[in-house]
Amino acid sequence: MTMLKRITEAWARAWGEGDTAAFEQILAKDYRRHSKTGEEGLAEVIRQIEESHAAFSDFHVDVLQAVEGSELIAIHWQSAGIHTGTYMGVPPTHRAVTVNGASFLSHKDGLITEESVVWDPRELLSSMNIWHLGDQVGRNA
């Protein structure tokens, strides 16, 4: 199985199905995730996956496109669900929510060493019909 297939399958199972063990099996011990809010380790990423599944019913993630370089895999993804639980401090709106983003995964010796993720939390809040939270969006996303 190619590294691209291993990573996209495990990544989709973790985020899309909540099967975090699938993701943990392909991570290096020093795995780090970078986003606009800073650097996170595995525990924080697992917490985010669990919170997403708790806050959105019918939560699923689709890999729209994935490309592989020699030591980097890029995944264009889309997550969707129904907002039925509190998320980012927002109580349930029962609205259908869709968010697009991309993850760039560095790998070595068959394991993910680093991930950089980009997505716009305003797209999420707009889907929930939340138009303004002041400066809270940048700090909590």
N, C-alpha and C. Protein backbone atom coordinates (compact mmCIF):
# COMPACT_ATOMS: atom_id res chain seq x y z
N MET A 1 0.84 -1.17 0.00
CA MET A 1 0.00 0.00 0.00
C MET A 1 0.90 1.24 0.00
N THR A 2 0.56 2.21 -0.83
CA THR A 2 1.37 3.42 -0.91
C THR A 2 1.18 4.26 0.35
N MET A 3 2.13 5.14 0.60
CA MET A 3 2.04 6.05 1.75
C MET A 3 0.82 6.95 1.60
N LEU A 4 0.55 7.41 0.39
CA LEU A 4 -0.61 8.25 0.15
C LEU A 4 -1.90 7.53 0.57
N LYS A 5 -2.04 6.30 0.19
CA LYS A 5 -3.24 5.52 0.53
C LYS A 5 -3.31 5.27 2.03
N ARG A 6 -2.19 4.91 2.65
CA ARG A 6 -2.17 4.67 4.10
C ARG A 6 -2.59 5.91 4.87
N ILE A 7 -2.02 7.05 4.49
CA ILE A 7 -2.31 8.29 5.21
C ILE A 7 -3.74 8.74 4.98
N THR A 8 -4.20 8.76 3.74
CA THR A 8 -5.55 9.26 3.49
C THR A 8 -6.60 8.35 4.13
N GLU A 9 -6.38 7.04 4.12
CA GLU A 9 -7.33 6.13 4.77
C GLU A 9 -7.36 6.34 6.28
N ALA A 10 -6.20 6.40 6.91
CA ALA A 10 -6.14 6.58 8.36
C ALA A 10 -6.67 7.95 8.76
N TRP A 11 -6.32 8.97 8.01
CA TRP A 11 -6.76 10.33 8.29
C TRP A 11 -8.28 10.41 8.18
N ALA A 12 -8.86 9.84 7.12
CA ALA A 12 -10.31 9.86 6.92
C ALA A 12 -11.02 9.04 8.00
N ARG A 13 -10.44 7.92 8.41
CA ARG A 13 -11.06 7.13 9.49
C ARG A 13 -11.05 7.89 10.80
N ALA A 14 -9.95 8.58 11.10
CA ALA A 14 -9.86 9.33 12.35
C ALA A 14 -10.83 10.49 12.36
N TRP A 15 -10.73 11.38 11.38
CA TRP A 15 -11.59 12.56 11.34
C TRP A 15 -13.01 12.21 10.95
N GLY A 16 -13.18 11.36 9.97
CA GLY A 16 -14.51 11.07 9.46
C GLY A 16 -15.33 10.12 10.31
N GLU A 17 -14.66 9.14 10.93
CA GLU A 17 -15.37 8.12 11.69
C GLU A 17 -15.09 8.19 13.19
N GLY A 18 -14.13 9.01 13.59
CA GLY A 18 -13.78 9.10 15.00
C GLY A 18 -12.85 8.00 15.47
N ASP A 19 -12.30 7.23 14.54
CA ASP A 19 -11.38 6.13 14.86
C ASP A 19 -9.96 6.68 15.02
N THR A 20 -9.69 7.29 16.16
CA THR A 20 -8.40 7.95 16.36
C THR A 20 -7.25 6.95 16.41
N ALA A 21 -7.52 5.70 16.78
CA ALA A 21 -6.46 4.69 16.82
C ALA A 21 -5.85 4.49 15.43
N ALA A 22 -6.66 4.60 14.39
CA ALA A 22 -6.16 4.46 13.02
C ALA A 22 -5.12 5.52 12.72
N PHE A 23 -5.37 6.73 13.21
CA PHE A 23 -4.45 7.84 12.99
C PHE A 23 -3.19 7.67 13.83
N GLU A 24 -3.37 7.30 15.09
CA GLU A 24 -2.23 7.14 15.99
C GLU A 24 -1.22 6.12 15.47
N GLN A 25 -1.69 5.12 14.76
CA GLN A 25 -0.81 4.06 14.25
C GLN A 25 0.16 4.53 13.18
N ILE A 26 -0.14 5.66 12.55
CA ILE A 26 0.76 6.13 11.48
C ILE A 26 1.47 7.42 11.86
N LEU A 27 1.47 7.76 13.15
CA LEU A 27 2.15 8.98 13.60
C LEU A 27 3.49 8.67 14.24
N ALA A 28 4.47 9.51 13.95
CA ALA A 28 5.76 9.43 14.63
C ALA A 28 5.58 9.89 16.08
N LYS A 29 6.45 9.44 16.95
CA LYS A 29 6.35 9.80 18.37
C LYS A 29 6.41 11.31 18.60
N ASP A 30 7.13 12.03 17.74
CA ASP A 30 7.28 13.48 17.90
C ASP A 30 6.36 14.27 16.98
N TYR A 31 5.27 13.66 16.54
CA TYR A 31 4.29 14.31 15.65
C TYR A 31 3.84 15.66 16.22
N ARG A 32 3.78 16.66 15.34
CA ARG A 32 3.29 18.00 15.72
C ARG A 32 2.35 18.48 14.63
N ARG A 33 1.33 19.21 15.04
CA ARG A 33 0.36 19.79 14.10
C ARG A 33 0.41 21.31 14.25
N HIS A 34 0.46 22.00 13.13
CA HIS A 34 0.52 23.45 13.11
C HIS A 34 -0.76 24.00 12.49
N SER A 35 -1.32 25.02 13.14
CA SER A 35 -2.48 25.71 12.59
C SER A 35 -2.32 27.19 12.90
N LYS A 36 -3.29 27.99 12.49
CA LYS A 36 -3.17 29.43 12.74
C LYS A 36 -3.22 29.75 14.22
N THR A 37 -3.66 28.81 15.06
CA THR A 37 -3.71 29.06 16.51
C THR A 37 -2.48 28.54 17.23
N GLY A 38 -1.56 27.90 16.51
CA GLY A 38 -0.34 27.45 17.15
C GLY A 38 0.00 26.00 16.85
N GLU A 39 0.82 25.45 17.70
CA GLU A 39 1.31 24.08 17.55
C GLU A 39 0.58 23.17 18.53
N GLU A 40 0.23 21.97 18.06
CA GLU A 40 -0.50 21.01 18.89
C GLU A 40 0.13 19.64 18.77
N GLY A 41 -0.03 18.86 19.81
CA GLY A 41 0.41 17.48 19.80
C GLY A 41 -0.76 16.55 19.58
N LEU A 42 -0.50 15.26 19.67
CA LEU A 42 -1.52 14.25 19.41
C LEU A 42 -2.72 14.38 20.34
N ALA A 43 -2.50 14.61 21.62
CA ALA A 43 -3.62 14.69 22.57
C ALA A 43 -4.61 15.78 22.17
N GLU A 44 -4.10 16.93 21.74
CA GLU A 44 -4.97 18.03 21.33
C GLU A 44 -5.74 17.69 20.06
N VAL A 45 -5.10 17.03 19.11
CA VAL A 45 -5.77 16.65 17.87
C VAL A 45 -6.87 15.64 18.17
N ILE A 46 -6.60 14.67 19.02
CA ILE A 46 -7.63 13.69 19.39
C ILE A 46 -8.80 14.39 20.07
N ARG A 47 -8.52 15.35 20.94
CA ARG A 47 -9.58 16.10 21.60
C ARG A 47 -10.44 16.83 20.56
N GLN A 48 -9.82 17.41 19.54
CA GLN A 48 -10.56 18.12 18.50
C GLN A 48 -11.44 17.16 17.69
N ILE A 49 -10.91 15.99 17.39
CA ILE A 49 -11.70 14.98 16.67
C ILE A 49 -12.91 14.58 17.50
N GLU A 50 -12.70 14.29 18.79
CA GLU A 50 -13.79 13.88 19.67
C GLU A 50 -14.82 15.00 19.83
N GLU A 51 -14.37 16.24 19.97
CA GLU A 51 -15.29 17.37 20.10
C GLU A 51 -16.12 17.56 18.83
N SER A 52 -15.50 17.35 17.69
CA SER A 52 -16.22 17.49 16.42
C SER A 52 -17.33 16.45 16.32
N HIS A 53 -17.02 15.22 16.69
CA HIS A 53 -18.02 14.15 16.62
C HIS A 53 -19.11 14.34 17.67
N ALA A 54 -18.78 14.94 18.81
CA ALA A 54 -19.78 15.19 19.85
C ALA A 54 -20.70 16.34 19.48
N ALA A 55 -20.20 17.34 18.77
CA ALA A 55 -20.98 18.55 18.48
C ALA A 55 -21.79 18.47 17.19
N PHE A 56 -21.44 17.53 16.31
CA PHE A 56 -22.11 17.45 15.02
C PHE A 56 -22.61 16.03 14.78
N SER A 57 -23.92 15.88 14.65
CA SER A 57 -24.45 14.56 14.29
C SER A 57 -24.22 14.36 12.80
N ASP A 58 -24.17 13.12 12.40
CA ASP A 58 -23.90 12.76 11.01
C ASP A 58 -22.61 13.43 10.53
N PHE A 59 -21.65 13.57 11.43
CA PHE A 59 -20.37 14.20 11.08
C PHE A 59 -19.58 13.27 10.18
N HIS A 60 -19.10 13.80 9.08
CA HIS A 60 -18.25 13.01 8.19
C HIS A 60 -17.26 13.93 7.48
N VAL A 61 -16.19 13.33 7.07
CA VAL A 61 -15.12 14.05 6.38
C VAL A 61 -14.82 13.30 5.09
N ASP A 62 -14.77 14.04 4.01
CA ASP A 62 -14.43 13.45 2.72
C ASP A 62 -13.11 14.02 2.24
N VAL A 63 -12.25 13.15 1.75
CA VAL A 63 -11.02 13.58 1.10
C VAL A 63 -11.38 13.88 -0.34
N LEU A 64 -11.32 15.16 -0.72
CA LEU A 64 -11.71 15.58 -2.06
C LEU A 64 -10.58 15.37 -3.06
N GLN A 65 -9.36 15.58 -2.57
CA GLN A 65 -8.20 15.41 -3.44
C GLN A 65 -6.99 15.20 -2.56
N ALA A 66 -6.07 14.37 -3.01
CA ALA A 66 -4.82 14.15 -2.28
C ALA A 66 -3.70 13.97 -3.29
N VAL A 67 -2.57 14.60 -3.02
CA VAL A 67 -1.41 14.47 -3.89
C VAL A 67 -0.19 14.16 -3.02
N GLU A 68 0.75 13.47 -3.63
CA GLU A 68 1.93 13.03 -2.89
C GLU A 68 3.20 13.51 -3.55
N GLY A 69 4.08 14.07 -2.71
CA GLY A 69 5.44 14.39 -3.12
C GLY A 69 6.36 13.38 -2.45
N SER A 70 7.64 13.59 -2.51
CA SER A 70 8.57 12.61 -1.96
C SER A 70 8.45 12.45 -0.44
N GLU A 71 8.24 13.56 0.28
CA GLU A 71 8.10 13.48 1.73
C GLU A 71 6.92 14.30 2.25
N LEU A 72 5.99 14.65 1.34
CA LEU A 72 4.85 15.47 1.71
C LEU A 72 3.59 14.99 1.00
N ILE A 73 2.50 14.94 1.75
CA ILE A 73 1.20 14.61 1.19
C ILE A 73 0.26 15.77 1.48
N ALA A 74 -0.47 16.21 0.47
CA ALA A 74 -1.45 17.28 0.63
C ALA A 74 -2.84 16.69 0.48
N ILE A 75 -3.72 17.03 1.43
CA ILE A 75 -5.09 16.53 1.42
C ILE A 75 -6.04 17.73 1.42
N HIS A 76 -6.88 17.79 0.41
CA HIS A 76 -7.97 18.78 0.37
C HIS A 76 -9.20 18.04 0.89
N TRP A 77 -9.77 18.54 1.99
CA TRP A 77 -10.86 17.83 2.65
C TRP A 77 -12.08 18.71 2.83
N GLN A 78 -13.19 18.03 3.09
CA GLN A 78 -14.44 18.72 3.40
C GLN A 78 -15.12 17.97 4.54
N SER A 79 -15.49 18.70 5.59
CA SER A 79 -16.22 18.08 6.69
C SER A 79 -17.63 18.64 6.71
N ALA A 80 -18.57 17.81 7.15
CA ALA A 80 -19.97 18.23 7.18
C ALA A 80 -20.70 17.49 8.29
N GLY A 81 -21.75 18.10 8.77
CA GLY A 81 -22.59 17.49 9.79
C GLY A 81 -23.70 18.44 10.18
N ILE A 82 -24.49 18.02 11.16
CA ILE A 82 -25.57 18.84 11.69
C ILE A 82 -25.14 19.31 13.08
N HIS A 83 -25.16 20.61 13.31
CA HIS A 83 -24.68 21.19 14.56
C HIS A 83 -25.70 20.94 15.68
N THR A 84 -25.51 19.83 16.42
CA THR A 84 -26.45 19.42 17.47
C THR A 84 -25.86 19.51 18.88
N GLY A 85 -24.62 19.95 19.01
CA GLY A 85 -23.98 20.11 20.32
C GLY A 85 -23.16 21.38 20.34
N THR A 86 -22.81 21.83 21.52
CA THR A 86 -22.02 23.05 21.65
C THR A 86 -20.65 22.86 21.01
N TYR A 87 -20.24 23.86 20.23
CA TYR A 87 -18.94 23.82 19.56
C TYR A 87 -18.39 25.24 19.50
N MET A 88 -17.14 25.41 19.91
CA MET A 88 -16.49 26.72 19.94
C MET A 88 -17.34 27.70 20.74
N GLY A 89 -18.00 27.21 21.77
CA GLY A 89 -18.82 28.05 22.62
C GLY A 89 -20.18 28.39 22.05
N VAL A 90 -20.50 27.85 20.86
CA VAL A 90 -21.77 28.14 20.22
C VAL A 90 -22.75 27.00 20.52
N PRO A 91 -23.90 27.32 21.14
CA PRO A 91 -24.89 26.26 21.41
C PRO A 91 -25.46 25.70 20.11
N PRO A 92 -26.08 24.53 20.16
CA PRO A 92 -26.60 23.89 18.95
C PRO A 92 -27.52 24.80 18.14
N THR A 93 -27.31 24.82 16.84
CA THR A 93 -28.17 25.59 15.94
C THR A 93 -29.03 24.67 15.08
N HIS A 94 -28.67 23.38 15.06
CA HIS A 94 -29.36 22.36 14.26
C HIS A 94 -29.29 22.67 12.77
N ARG A 95 -28.27 23.40 12.39
CA ARG A 95 -28.05 23.73 10.98
C ARG A 95 -27.05 22.74 10.37
N ALA A 96 -27.21 22.53 9.07
CA ALA A 96 -26.22 21.75 8.32
C ALA A 96 -24.98 22.62 8.16
N VAL A 97 -23.83 22.04 8.43
CA VAL A 97 -22.57 22.76 8.41
C VAL A 97 -21.60 22.05 7.48
N THR A 98 -20.91 22.83 6.65
CA THR A 98 -19.87 22.30 5.77
C THR A 98 -18.66 23.21 5.87
N VAL A 99 -17.49 22.61 5.99
CA VAL A 99 -16.23 23.35 6.08
C VAL A 99 -15.21 22.67 5.17
N ASN A 100 -14.45 23.48 4.46
CA ASN A 100 -13.38 22.98 3.59
C ASN A 100 -12.03 23.38 4.16
N GLY A 101 -11.04 22.56 3.93
CA GLY A 101 -9.70 22.89 4.37
C GLY A 101 -8.67 22.01 3.68
N ALA A 102 -7.44 22.18 4.11
CA ALA A 102 -6.34 21.39 3.55
C ALA A 102 -5.34 21.06 4.65
N SER A 103 -4.80 19.88 4.57
CA SER A 103 -3.75 19.44 5.49
C SER A 103 -2.54 19.04 4.67
N PHE A 104 -1.38 19.44 5.15
CA PHE A 104 -0.12 19.11 4.50
C PHE A 104 0.68 18.28 5.48
N LEU A 105 0.92 17.02 5.13
CA LEU A 105 1.50 16.05 6.05
C LEU A 105 2.90 15.65 5.61
N SER A 106 3.88 15.93 6.45
CA SER A 106 5.25 15.48 6.20
C SER A 106 5.39 14.08 6.77
N HIS A 107 6.12 13.22 6.07
CA HIS A 107 6.29 11.85 6.57
C HIS A 107 7.71 11.36 6.34
N LYS A 108 8.09 10.42 7.18
CA LYS A 108 9.41 9.82 7.09
C LYS A 108 9.32 8.40 7.66
N ASP A 109 9.94 7.46 6.98
CA ASP A 109 9.95 6.06 7.42
C ASP A 109 8.55 5.52 7.66
N GLY A 110 7.59 5.95 6.83
CA GLY A 110 6.24 5.42 6.91
C GLY A 110 5.36 6.04 7.98
N LEU A 111 5.83 7.12 8.63
CA LEU A 111 5.06 7.76 9.70
C LEU A 111 4.94 9.26 9.46
N ILE A 112 3.82 9.82 9.87
CA ILE A 112 3.60 11.27 9.77
C ILE A 112 4.40 11.94 10.87
N THR A 113 5.23 12.90 10.50
CA THR A 113 6.05 13.61 11.48
C THR A 113 5.47 14.98 11.81
N GLU A 114 4.79 15.58 10.84
CA GLU A 114 4.32 16.94 11.02
C GLU A 114 3.11 17.19 10.12
N GLU A 115 2.19 18.01 10.60
CA GLU A 115 1.01 18.36 9.82
C GLU A 115 0.78 19.87 9.94
N SER A 116 0.49 20.48 8.81
CA SER A 116 0.06 21.87 8.79
C SER A 116 -1.34 21.88 8.21
N VAL A 117 -2.27 22.53 8.93
CA VAL A 117 -3.66 22.54 8.50
C VAL A 117 -4.13 23.98 8.29
N VAL A 118 -4.90 24.18 7.25
CA VAL A 118 -5.50 25.48 6.99
C VAL A 118 -6.99 25.30 6.72
N TRP A 119 -7.79 26.12 7.40
CA TRP A 119 -9.23 26.18 7.18
C TRP A 119 -9.70 27.50 7.77
N ASP A 120 -10.88 27.93 7.34
CA ASP A 120 -11.39 29.23 7.76
C ASP A 120 -12.54 29.03 8.75
N PRO A 121 -12.34 29.33 10.02
CA PRO A 121 -13.42 29.16 11.00
C PRO A 121 -14.63 30.03 10.71
N ARG A 122 -14.47 31.08 9.93
CA ARG A 122 -15.62 31.91 9.55
C ARG A 122 -16.59 31.14 8.67
N GLU A 123 -16.07 30.21 7.87
CA GLU A 123 -16.94 29.36 7.05
C GLU A 123 -17.83 28.50 7.95
N LEU A 124 -17.25 27.96 9.01
CA LEU A 124 -18.00 27.17 9.99
C LEU A 124 -19.06 28.02 10.67
N LEU A 125 -18.68 29.17 11.18
CA LEU A 125 -19.60 30.05 11.89
C LEU A 125 -20.71 30.56 10.96
N SER A 126 -20.37 30.84 9.73
CA SER A 126 -21.37 31.27 8.75
C SER A 126 -22.39 30.17 8.51
N SER A 127 -21.93 28.92 8.43
CA SER A 127 -22.85 27.79 8.25
C SER A 127 -23.80 27.65 9.43
N MET A 128 -23.33 28.03 10.62
CA MET A 128 -24.18 27.97 11.82
C MET A 128 -25.04 29.22 11.96
N ASN A 129 -24.92 30.14 10.97
CA ASN A 129 -25.63 31.42 10.96
C ASN A 129 -25.17 32.33 12.10
N ILE A 130 -23.90 32.20 12.46
CA ILE A 130 -23.26 33.08 13.44
C ILE A 130 -22.42 34.05 12.63
N TRP A 131 -22.78 35.30 12.64
CA TRP A 131 -22.11 36.25 11.76
C TRP A 131 -21.05 37.07 12.44
N HIS A 132 -21.12 37.23 13.77
CA HIS A 132 -20.13 38.08 14.42
C HIS A 132 -19.93 37.63 15.87
N LEU A 133 -18.68 37.36 16.18
CA LEU A 133 -18.32 37.03 17.56
C LEU A 133 -17.21 37.96 18.03
N GLY A 134 -17.09 39.11 17.43
CA GLY A 134 -16.02 40.03 17.81
C GLY A 134 -14.68 39.43 17.50
N ASP A 135 -13.74 39.60 18.40
CA ASP A 135 -12.39 39.07 18.18
C ASP A 135 -12.25 37.65 18.70
N GLN A 136 -13.33 37.00 19.12
CA GLN A 136 -13.27 35.64 19.64
C GLN A 136 -12.92 34.61 18.56
N VAL A 137 -13.30 34.85 17.31
CA VAL A 137 -13.09 33.88 16.25
C VAL A 137 -11.62 33.55 16.10
N GLY A 138 -10.77 34.53 16.07
CA GLY A 138 -9.34 34.29 15.88
C GLY A 138 -8.70 33.57 17.03
N ARG A 139 -9.21 33.75 18.25
CA ARG A 139 -8.59 33.12 19.42
C ARG A 139 -9.08 31.71 19.64
N ASN A 140 -10.26 31.36 19.20
CA ASN A 140 -10.84 30.05 19.52
C ASN A 140 -10.82 29.09 18.35
N ALA A 141 -10.42 29.50 17.20
CA ALA A 141 -10.49 28.62 16.03
C ALA A 141 -9.30 27.73 15.95
